[in-house]
Amino acid sequence: MKEPSILHIALIYLATINVVTFFTYGIDKWKARRNKWRIAEATLLGMAVIGGSIGAWAGMKAWHHKTLHKKFRYGIPAIIIAQMMLIGYLLYRQ
């Protein structure tokens, strides 16, 4: 059996972190509606930074969550752009 490539592992990681981030935004929205203990904004943004930016953006849109906060409204797209540029650079170097 062939060993998984770095690209294969990276794709699995990105898919996983984005799904987890998407549902984390949903859980935080659920908690907000019920006045429960919330997930810290730093955690939500941190999940975007470590690879879950697409999941964060999708979670914001699907759950209508954090869409009025400037650091999320502008920060998440900025993180997506930075990550795409990094991926492009890494692919170019290969």
Protein backbone atom coordinates (compact mmCIF):
# COMPACT_ATOMS: atom_id res chain seq x y z
CA MET A 1 0.00 0.00 0.00
CA LYS A 2 1.26 3.43 -0.98
CA GLU A 3 2.07 6.04 1.67
CA PRO A 4 -0.15 9.13 1.58
CA SER A 5 1.53 12.18 0.09
CA ILE A 6 1.98 15.46 1.91
CA LEU A 7 -0.67 16.95 -0.38
CA HIS A 8 -3.14 14.19 0.55
CA ILE A 9 -2.53 14.74 4.27
CA ALA A 10 -2.86 18.53 3.85
CA LEU A 11 -6.18 18.15 2.01
CA ILE A 12 -7.56 15.87 4.72
CA TYR A 13 -6.43 18.36 7.38
CA LEU A 14 -7.99 21.33 5.57
CA ALA A 15 -11.27 19.50 4.99
CA THR A 16 -11.42 18.48 8.66
CA ILE A 17 -10.54 21.88 10.14
CA ASN A 18 -13.04 23.62 7.86
CA VAL A 19 -15.90 21.29 8.82
CA VAL A 20 -15.04 21.66 12.51
CA THR A 21 -14.83 25.46 12.17
CA PHE A 22 -18.15 25.64 10.33
CA PHE A 23 -19.94 23.76 13.09
CA THR A 24 -18.11 25.71 15.82
CA TYR A 25 -19.63 28.91 14.42
CA GLY A 26 -23.03 27.20 14.46
CA ILE A 27 -22.58 26.07 18.06
CA ASP A 28 -21.58 29.59 19.11
CA LYS A 29 -24.66 31.02 17.40
CA TRP A 30 -26.83 28.43 19.17
CA LYS A 31 -25.24 29.41 22.50
CA ALA A 32 -25.74 33.12 21.76
CA ARG A 33 -29.47 32.62 21.22
CA ARG A 34 -29.78 30.81 24.57
CA ASN A 35 -27.57 33.15 26.63
CA LYS A 36 -25.12 30.32 27.34
CA TRP A 37 -21.37 30.42 27.86
CA ARG A 38 -19.89 31.49 24.50
CA ILE A 39 -16.88 30.47 22.45
CA ALA A 40 -14.22 33.19 22.60
CA GLU A 41 -13.82 35.38 19.51
CA ALA A 42 -10.08 34.65 19.64
CA THR A 43 -10.87 30.94 19.30
CA LEU A 44 -13.18 31.52 16.34
CA LEU A 45 -10.59 33.70 14.58
CA GLY A 46 -7.79 31.30 15.53
CA MET A 47 -9.61 28.41 13.89
CA ALA A 48 -9.75 30.47 10.69
CA VAL A 49 -6.03 31.23 10.90
CA ILE A 50 -5.00 27.57 11.31
CA GLY A 51 -6.76 26.62 8.09
CA GLY A 52 -10.48 26.88 8.74
CA SER A 53 -11.06 30.19 6.97
CA ILE A 54 -13.46 28.78 4.37
CA GLY A 55 -15.43 27.03 7.12
CA ALA A 56 -15.50 30.27 9.13
CA TRP A 57 -16.79 32.24 6.16
CA ALA A 58 -19.39 29.57 5.36
CA GLY A 59 -20.42 29.45 9.03
CA MET A 60 -20.83 33.20 9.14
CA LYS A 61 -23.08 33.06 6.08
CA ALA A 62 -25.06 29.94 6.99
CA TRP A 63 -25.66 30.81 10.65
CA HIS A 64 -25.78 34.62 10.14
CA HIS A 65 -23.19 34.83 12.89
CA LYS A 66 -20.58 37.53 13.53
CA THR A 67 -21.49 39.27 10.26
CA LEU A 68 -21.71 42.71 11.89
CA HIS A 69 -18.35 42.50 13.66
CA LYS A 70 -15.71 44.32 11.58
CA LYS A 71 -12.89 42.02 12.64
CA PHE A 72 -14.86 39.07 11.26
CA ARG A 73 -16.47 40.79 8.26
CA TYR A 74 -13.08 41.97 6.98
CA GLY A 75 -10.72 39.65 8.85
CA ILE A 76 -12.04 36.32 7.56
CA PRO A 77 -11.82 37.34 3.87
CA ALA A 78 -8.33 38.75 4.54
CA ILE A 79 -7.29 35.42 6.09
CA ILE A 80 -8.71 33.54 3.08
CA ILE A 81 -6.74 35.76 0.68
CA ALA A 82 -3.53 35.37 2.70
CA GLN A 83 -3.95 31.59 2.81
CA MET A 84 -4.62 31.40 -0.93
CA MET A 85 -1.51 33.48 -1.60
CA LEU A 86 0.54 31.17 0.65
CA ILE A 87 -0.81 28.08 -1.13
CA GLY A 88 -0.07 29.66 -4.51
CA TYR A 89 3.47 30.48 -3.42
CA LEU A 90 4.08 26.96 -2.11
CA LEU A 91 2.71 25.38 -5.29
CA TYR A 92 4.82 27.76 -7.42
CA ARG A 93 7.97 26.78 -5.54
CA GLN A 94 7.40 23.12 -6.34
